PDB file of all heavy atoms in Angstrom:
ATOM      1  N   TYR A   1      97.569 140.990 110.801  1.00  0.00           N
ATOM      2  CA  TYR A   1      98.290 142.268 110.822  1.00  0.00           C
ATOM      3  C   TYR A   1      99.751 142.068 111.210  1.00  0.00           C
ATOM      4  O   TYR A   1     100.643 142.554 110.535  1.00  0.00           O
ATOM      5  CB  TYR A   1      97.626 143.258 111.785  1.00  0.00           C
ATOM      6  CG  TYR A   1      98.378 144.564 111.861  1.00  0.00           C
ATOM      7  CD1 TYR A   1      98.274 145.498 110.844  1.00  0.00           C
ATOM      8  CD2 TYR A   1      99.236 144.847 112.921  1.00  0.00           C
ATOM      9  CE1 TYR A   1      98.980 146.686 110.881  1.00  0.00           C
ATOM     10  CE2 TYR A   1      99.947 146.028 112.969  1.00  0.00           C
ATOM     11  CZ  TYR A   1      99.812 146.943 111.947  1.00  0.00           C
ATOM     12  OH  TYR A   1     100.535 148.116 111.981  1.00  0.00           O
ATOM     13  N   TRP A   2     100.041 141.362 112.280  1.00  0.00           N
ATOM     14  CA  TRP A   2     101.416 141.279 112.770  1.00  0.00           C
ATOM     15  C   TRP A   2     102.293 140.378 111.908  1.00  0.00           C
ATOM     16  O   TRP A   2     103.500 140.616 111.796  1.00  0.00           O
ATOM     17  CB  TRP A   2     101.445 140.880 114.246  1.00  0.00           C
ATOM     18  CG  TRP A   2     100.932 142.012 115.083  1.00  0.00           C
ATOM     19  CD1 TRP A   2      99.743 142.070 115.740  1.00  0.00           C
ATOM     20  CD2 TRP A   2     101.560 143.284 115.282  1.00  0.00           C
ATOM     21  NE1 TRP A   2      99.603 143.297 116.348  1.00  0.00           N
ATOM     22  CE2 TRP A   2     100.700 144.061 116.091  1.00  0.00           C
ATOM     23  CE3 TRP A   2     102.759 143.844 114.861  1.00  0.00           C
ATOM     24  CZ2 TRP A   2     101.014 145.352 116.478  1.00  0.00           C
ATOM     25  CZ3 TRP A   2     103.070 145.140 115.245  1.00  0.00           C
ATOM     26  CH2 TRP A   2     102.200 145.880 116.050  1.00  0.00           C
ATOM     27  N   TRP A   3     101.715 139.344 111.270  1.00  0.00           N
ATOM     28  CA  TRP A   3     102.501 138.573 110.306  1.00  0.00           C
ATOM     29  C   TRP A   3     102.861 139.461 109.120  1.00  0.00           C
ATOM     30  O   TRP A   3     103.965 139.354 108.567  1.00  0.00           O
ATOM     31  CB  TRP A   3     101.751 137.329 109.835  1.00  0.00           C
ATOM     32  CG  TRP A   3     101.839 136.161 110.765  1.00  0.00           C
ATOM     33  CD1 TRP A   3     100.800 135.540 111.385  1.00  0.00           C
ATOM     34  CD2 TRP A   3     103.012 135.455 111.173  1.00  0.00           C
ATOM     35  NE1 TRP A   3     101.260 134.508 112.164  1.00  0.00           N
ATOM     36  CE2 TRP A   3     102.623 134.424 112.039  1.00  0.00           C
ATOM     37  CE3 TRP A   3     104.369 135.601 110.882  1.00  0.00           C
ATOM     38  CZ2 TRP A   3     103.531 133.550 112.618  1.00  0.00           C
ATOM     39  CZ3 TRP A   3     105.267 134.724 111.450  1.00  0.00           C
ATOM     40  CH2 TRP A   3     104.854 133.717 112.309  1.00  0.00           C
ATOM     41  N   TRP A   4     101.944 140.320 108.684  1.00  0.00           N
ATOM     42  CA  TRP A   4     102.225 141.244 107.593  1.00  0.00           C
ATOM     43  C   TRP A   4     103.348 142.202 107.984  1.00  0.00           C
ATOM     44  O   TRP A   4     104.250 142.479 107.194  1.00  0.00           O
ATOM     45  CB  TRP A   4     100.969 142.016 107.200  1.00  0.00           C
ATOM     46  CG  TRP A   4     101.250 143.131 106.255  1.00  0.00           C
ATOM     47  CD1 TRP A   4     101.313 144.462 106.540  1.00  0.00           C
ATOM     48  CD2 TRP A   4     101.549 143.024 104.860  1.00  0.00           C
ATOM     49  NE1 TRP A   4     101.628 145.173 105.418  1.00  0.00           N
ATOM     50  CE2 TRP A   4     101.771 144.319 104.374  1.00  0.00           C
ATOM     51  CE3 TRP A   4     101.653 141.946 103.986  1.00  0.00           C
ATOM     52  CZ2 TRP A   4     102.092 144.571 103.043  1.00  0.00           C
ATOM     53  CZ3 TRP A   4     101.961 142.194 102.665  1.00  0.00           C
ATOM     54  CH2 TRP A   4     102.178 143.492 102.206  1.00  0.00           C
ATOM     55  N   VAL A   5     103.284 142.722 109.202  1.00  0.00           N
ATOM     56  CA  VAL A   5     104.326 143.639 109.669  1.00  0.00           C
ATOM     57  C   VAL A   5     105.683 142.942 109.672  1.00  0.00           C
ATOM     58  O   VAL A   5     106.689 143.514 109.213  1.00  0.00           O
ATOM     59  CB  VAL A   5     103.981 144.190 111.078  1.00  0.00           C
ATOM     60  CG1 VAL A   5     105.159 144.925 111.693  1.00  0.00           C
ATOM     61  CG2 VAL A   5     102.770 145.105 111.002  1.00  0.00           C
ATOM     62  N   LEU A   6     105.751 141.708 110.154  1.00  0.00           N
ATOM     63  CA  LEU A   6     107.008 140.960 110.171  1.00  0.00           C
ATOM     64  C   LEU A   6     107.513 140.703 108.750  1.00  0.00           C
ATOM     65  O   LEU A   6     108.705 140.889 108.470  1.00  0.00           O
ATOM     66  CB  LEU A   6     106.836 139.638 110.921  1.00  0.00           C
ATOM     67  CG  LEU A   6     108.078 138.751 110.980  1.00  0.00           C
ATOM     68  CD1 LEU A   6     109.216 139.455 111.723  1.00  0.00           C
ATOM     69  CD2 LEU A   6     107.743 137.419 111.636  1.00  0.00           C
ATOM     70  N   ALA A   7     106.618 140.304 107.843  1.00  0.00           N
ATOM     71  CA  ALA A   7     107.011 140.055 106.451  1.00  0.00           C
ATOM     72  C   ALA A   7     107.533 141.331 105.804  1.00  0.00           C
ATOM     73  O   ALA A   7     108.537 141.307 105.078  1.00  0.00           O
ATOM     74  CB  ALA A   7     105.834 139.494 105.660  1.00  0.00           C
ATOM     75  N   SER A   8     106.875 142.453 106.066  1.00  0.00           N
ATOM     76  CA  SER A   8     107.327 143.736 105.513  1.00  0.00           C
ATOM     77  C   SER A   8     108.695 144.112 106.064  1.00  0.00           C
ATOM     78  O   SER A   8     109.567 144.582 105.327  1.00  0.00           O
ATOM     79  CB  SER A   8     106.328 144.847 105.839  1.00  0.00           C
ATOM     80  OG  SER A   8     105.094 144.603 105.231  1.00  0.00           O
ATOM     81  N   PHE A   9     108.897 143.899 107.363  1.00  0.00           N
ATOM     82  CA  PHE A   9     110.177 144.210 107.984  1.00  0.00           C
ATOM     83  C   PHE A   9     111.301 143.390 107.353  1.00  0.00           C
ATOM     84  O   PHE A   9     112.364 143.922 107.023  1.00  0.00           O
ATOM     85  CB  PHE A   9     110.107 143.950 109.498  1.00  0.00           C
ATOM     86  CG  PHE A   9     111.404 144.172 110.200  1.00  0.00           C
ATOM     87  CD1 PHE A   9     111.829 145.457 110.494  1.00  0.00           C
ATOM     88  CD2 PHE A   9     112.209 143.107 110.566  1.00  0.00           C
ATOM     89  CE1 PHE A   9     113.045 145.675 111.134  1.00  0.00           C
ATOM     90  CE2 PHE A   9     113.412 143.302 111.204  1.00  0.00           C
ATOM     91  CZ  PHE A   9     113.831 144.597 111.482  1.00  0.00           C
ATOM     92  N   ILE A  10     111.051 142.090 107.169  1.00  0.00           N
ATOM     93  CA  ILE A  10     112.060 141.216 106.556  1.00  0.00           C
ATOM     94  C   ILE A  10     112.337 141.654 105.125  1.00  0.00           C
ATOM     95  O   ILE A  10     113.498 141.712 104.690  1.00  0.00           O
ATOM     96  CB  ILE A  10     111.611 139.746 106.623  1.00  0.00           C
ATOM     97  CG1 ILE A  10     111.612 139.266 108.080  1.00  0.00           C
ATOM     98  CG2 ILE A  10     112.502 138.857 105.763  1.00  0.00           C
ATOM     99  CD1 ILE A  10     110.946 137.923 108.294  1.00  0.00           C
ATOM    100  N   LEU A  11     111.280 141.973 104.367  1.00  0.00           N
ATOM    101  CA  LEU A  11     111.453 142.430 102.991  1.00  0.00           C
ATOM    102  C   LEU A  11     112.323 143.682 102.934  1.00  0.00           C
ATOM    103  O   LEU A  11     113.270 143.753 102.149  1.00  0.00           O
ATOM    104  CB  LEU A  11     110.094 142.714 102.346  1.00  0.00           C
ATOM    105  CG  LEU A  11     110.163 143.351 100.956  1.00  0.00           C
ATOM    106  CD1 LEU A  11     110.673 142.357  99.925  1.00  0.00           C
ATOM    107  CD2 LEU A  11     108.806 143.905 100.558  1.00  0.00           C
ATOM    108  N   PHE A  12     112.026 144.668 103.784  1.00  0.00           N
ATOM    109  CA  PHE A  12     112.796 145.914 103.747  1.00  0.00           C
ATOM    110  C   PHE A  12     114.216 145.727 104.256  1.00  0.00           C
ATOM    111  O   PHE A  12     115.133 146.426 103.814  1.00  0.00           O
ATOM    112  CB  PHE A  12     112.068 147.028 104.503  1.00  0.00           C
ATOM    113  CG  PHE A  12     110.880 147.542 103.741  1.00  0.00           C
ATOM    114  CD1 PHE A  12     109.602 147.355 104.204  1.00  0.00           C
ATOM    115  CD2 PHE A  12     111.050 148.188 102.529  1.00  0.00           C
ATOM    116  CE1 PHE A  12     108.510 147.804 103.494  1.00  0.00           C
ATOM    117  CE2 PHE A  12     109.967 148.655 101.798  1.00  0.00           C
ATOM    118  CZ  PHE A  12     108.695 148.460 102.292  1.00  0.00           C
ATOM    119  N   LEU A  13     114.429 144.790 105.165  1.00  0.00           N
ATOM    120  CA  LEU A  13     115.775 144.476 105.618  1.00  0.00           C
ATOM    121  C   LEU A  13     116.597 143.899 104.464  1.00  0.00           C
ATOM    122  O   LEU A  13     117.727 144.338 104.214  1.00  0.00           O
ATOM    123  CB  LEU A  13     115.722 143.491 106.788  1.00  0.00           C
ATOM    124  CG  LEU A  13     117.045 143.130 107.434  1.00  0.00           C
ATOM    125  CD1 LEU A  13     117.633 144.330 108.148  1.00  0.00           C
ATOM    126  CD2 LEU A  13     116.842 141.983 108.411  1.00  0.00           C
ATOM    127  N   VAL A  14     116.017 142.949 103.741  1.00  0.00           N
ATOM    128  CA  VAL A  14     116.707 142.331 102.605  1.00  0.00           C
ATOM    129  C   VAL A  14     116.956 143.363 101.503  1.00  0.00           C
ATOM    130  O   VAL A  14     118.060 143.439 100.939  1.00  0.00           O
ATOM    131  CB  VAL A  14     115.893 141.129 102.065  1.00  0.00           C
ATOM    132  CG1 VAL A  14     116.437 140.644 100.736  1.00  0.00           C
ATOM    133  CG2 VAL A  14     115.888 140.001 103.091  1.00  0.00           C
ATOM    134  N   LEU A  15     115.941 144.173 101.192  1.00  0.00           N
ATOM    135  CA  LEU A  15     116.117 145.191 100.156  1.00  0.00           C
ATOM    136  C   LEU A  15     117.158 146.235 100.556  1.00  0.00           C
ATOM    137  O   LEU A  15     117.920 146.711  99.709  1.00  0.00           O
ATOM    138  CB  LEU A  15     114.788 145.876  99.841  1.00  0.00           C
ATOM    139  CG  LEU A  15     113.754 145.028  99.115  1.00  0.00           C
ATOM    140  CD1 LEU A  15     112.461 145.812  98.927  1.00  0.00           C
ATOM    141  CD2 LEU A  15     114.286 144.532  97.787  1.00  0.00           C
ATOM    142  N   GLY A  16     117.214 146.579 101.835  1.00  0.00           N
ATOM    143  CA  GLY A  16     118.238 147.510 102.308  1.00  0.00           C
ATOM    144  C   GLY A  16     119.636 146.946 102.146  1.00  0.00           C
ATOM    145  O   GLY A  16     120.573 147.658 101.773  1.00  0.00           O
ATOM    146  N   LEU A  17     119.778 145.654 102.419  1.00  0.00           N
ATOM    147  CA  LEU A  17     121.082 145.008 102.227  1.00  0.00           C
ATOM    148  C   LEU A  17     121.475 144.972 100.748  1.00  0.00           C
ATOM    149  O   LEU A  17     122.628 145.233 100.396  1.00  0.00           O
ATOM    150  CB  LEU A  17     121.063 143.597 102.811  1.00  0.00           C
ATOM    151  CG  LEU A  17     120.996 143.498 104.331  1.00  0.00           C
ATOM    152  CD1 LEU A  17     120.792 142.056 104.771  1.00  0.00           C
ATOM    153  CD2 LEU A  17     122.241 144.088 104.962  1.00  0.00           C
ATOM    154  N   ILE A  18     120.511 144.644  99.894  1.00  0.00           N
ATOM    155  CA  ILE A  18     120.798 144.618  98.454  1.00  0.00           C
ATOM    156  C   ILE A  18     121.132 146.013  97.949  1.00  0.00           C
ATOM    157  O   ILE A  18     122.096 146.195  97.194  1.00  0.00           O
ATOM    158  CB  ILE A  18     119.608 144.007  97.674  1.00  0.00           C
ATOM    159  CG1 ILE A  18     119.458 142.529  98.016  1.00  0.00           C
ATOM    160  CG2 ILE A  18     119.787 144.203  96.172  1.00  0.00           C
ATOM    161  CD1 ILE A  18     118.184 141.905  97.495  1.00  0.00           C
ATOM    162  N   ASP A  19     120.345 147.000  98.373  1.00  0.00           N
ATOM    163  CA  ASP A  19     120.627 148.378  97.964  1.00  0.00           C
ATOM    164  C   ASP A  19     122.006 148.823  98.424  1.00  0.00           C
ATOM    165  O   ASP A  19     122.749 149.459  97.672  1.00  0.00           O
ATOM    166  CB  ASP A  19     119.570 149.339  98.538  1.00  0.00           C
ATOM    167  CG  ASP A  19     118.301 149.395  97.708  1.00  0.00           C
ATOM    168  OD1 ASP A  19     118.355 149.063  96.509  1.00  0.00           O
ATOM    169  OD2 ASP A  19     117.255 149.785  98.260  1.00  0.00           O
ATOM    170  N   GLY A  20     122.345 148.505  99.677  1.00  0.00           N
ATOM    171  CA  GLY A  20     123.627 148.946 100.217  1.00  0.00           C
ATOM    172  C   GLY A  20     124.816 148.221  99.634  1.00  0.00           C
ATOM    173  O   GLY A  20     125.857 148.825  99.361  1.00  0.00           O
ATOM    174  N   ALA A  21     124.676 146.914  99.429  1.00  0.00           N
ATOM    175  CA  ALA A  21     125.821 146.116  98.984  1.00  0.00           C
ATOM    176  C   ALA A  21     126.000 146.105  97.472  1.00  0.00           C
ATOM    177  O   ALA A  21     127.132 146.071  96.982  1.00  0.00           O
ATOM    178  CB  ALA A  21     125.675 144.683  99.489  1.00  0.00           C
ATOM    179  N   LEU A  22     124.914 146.123  96.722  1.00  0.00           N
ATOM    180  CA  LEU A  22     125.015 145.983  95.271  1.00  0.00           C
ATOM    181  C   LEU A  22     124.674 147.246  94.487  1.00  0.00           C
ATOM    182  O   LEU A  22     125.405 147.638  93.592  1.00  0.00           O
ATOM    183  CB  LEU A  22     124.112 144.831  94.799  1.00  0.00           C
ATOM    184  CG  LEU A  22     124.414 143.455  95.371  1.00  0.00           C
ATOM    185  CD1 LEU A  22     123.374 142.449  94.912  1.00  0.00           C
ATOM    186  CD2 LEU A  22     125.802 143.014  94.975  1.00  0.00           C
ATOM    187  N   VAL A  23     123.545 147.855  94.814  1.00  0.00           N
ATOM    188  CA  VAL A  23     123.066 148.986  94.018  1.00  0.00           C
ATOM    189  C   VAL A  23     123.902 150.239  94.261  1.00  0.00           C
ATOM    190  O   VAL A  23     124.261 150.938  93.318  1.00  0.00           O
ATOM    191  CB  VAL A  23     121.571 149.254  94.284  1.00  0.00           C
ATOM    192  CG1 VAL A  23     121.088 150.463  93.521  1.00  0.00           C
ATOM    193  CG2 VAL A  23     120.736 148.027  93.922  1.00  0.00           C
ATOM    194  N   ALA A  24     124.223 150.524  95.511  1.00  0.00           N
ATOM    195  CA  ALA A  24     125.002 151.726  95.820  1.00  0.00           C
ATOM    196  C   ALA A  24     126.349 151.748  95.093  1.00  0.00           C
ATOM    197  O   ALA A  24     126.692 152.757  94.467  1.00  0.00           O
ATOM    198  CB  ALA A  24     125.185 151.869  97.327  1.00  0.00           C
ATOM    199  N   PRO A  25     127.144 150.666  95.122  1.00  0.00           N
ATOM    200  CA  PRO A  25     128.407 150.688  94.378  1.00  0.00           C
ATOM    201  C   PRO A  25     128.212 150.839  92.868  1.00  0.00           C
ATOM    202  O   PRO A  25     129.040 151.467  92.194  1.00  0.00           O
ATOM    203  CB  PRO A  25     129.046 149.338  94.715  1.00  0.00           C
ATOM    204  CG  PRO A  25     128.480 148.961  96.024  1.00  0.00           C
ATOM    205  CD  PRO A  25     127.073 149.484  95.987  1.00  0.00           C
ATOM    206  N   MET A  26     127.123 150.276  92.334  1.00  0.00           N
ATOM    207  CA  MET A  26     126.856 150.433  90.898  1.00  0.00           C
ATOM    208  C   MET A  26     126.518 151.878  90.539  1.00  0.00           C
ATOM    209  O   MET A  26     126.711 152.294  89.405  1.00  0.00           O
ATOM    210  CB  MET A  26     125.701 149.523  90.464  1.00  0.00           C
ATOM    211  CG  MET A  26     126.081 148.058  90.462  1.00  0.00           C
ATOM    212  SD  MET A  26     124.858 146.892  89.812  1.00  0.00           S
ATOM    213  CE  MET A  26     123.322 147.696  89.855  1.00  0.00           C
ATOM    214  N   MET A  27     126.025 152.629  91.521  1.00  0.00           N
ATOM    215  CA  MET A  27     125.658 154.028  91.281  1.00  0.00           C
ATOM    216  C   MET A  27     126.783 154.994  91.653  1.00  0.00           C
ATOM    217  O   MET A  27     126.593 156.203  91.643  1.00  0.00           O
ATOM    218  CB  MET A  27     124.402 154.384  92.086  1.00  0.00           C
ATOM    219  CG  MET A  27     123.208 153.497  91.777  1.00  0.00           C
ATOM    220  SD  MET A  27     122.626 153.722  90.122  1.00  0.00           S
ATOM    221  CE  MET A  27     121.340 154.876  90.391  1.00  0.00           C
ATOM    222  N   GLY A  28     127.956 154.471  92.017  1.00  0.00           N
ATOM    223  CA  GLY A  28     129.110 155.316  92.301  1.00  0.00           C
ATOM    224  C   GLY A  28     129.280 155.689  93.755  1.00  0.00           C
ATOM    225  O   GLY A  28     130.077 156.563  94.079  1.00  0.00           O
ATOM    226  N   PHE A  29     128.562 155.061  94.651  1.00  0.00           N
ATOM    227  CA  PHE A  29     128.691 155.323  96.085  1.00  0.00           C
ATOM    228  C   PHE A  29     129.490 154.207  96.736  1.00  0.00           C
ATOM    229  O   PHE A  29     129.656 153.139  96.169  1.00  0.00           O
ATOM    230  CB  PHE A  29     127.306 155.395  96.750  1.00  0.00           C
ATOM    231  CG  PHE A  29     126.465 156.546  96.303  1.00  0.00           C
ATOM    232  CD1 PHE A  29     125.535 156.387  95.278  1.00  0.00           C
ATOM    233  CD2 PHE A  29     126.587 157.787  96.899  1.00  0.00           C
ATOM    234  CE1 PHE A  29     124.744 157.440  94.866  1.00  0.00           C
ATOM    235  CE2 PHE A  29     125.797 158.850  96.488  1.00  0.00           C
ATOM    236  CZ  PHE A  29     124.882 158.677  95.472  1.00  0.00           C
TER     237      PHE A  29
END
């Protein structure tokens, strides 16, 4: 359970960075 929670946290951290740095500017933000 806790390894899954850590993996999910890391995944969402990376996806948040990608969304904020790359996807948001492509969408006009």
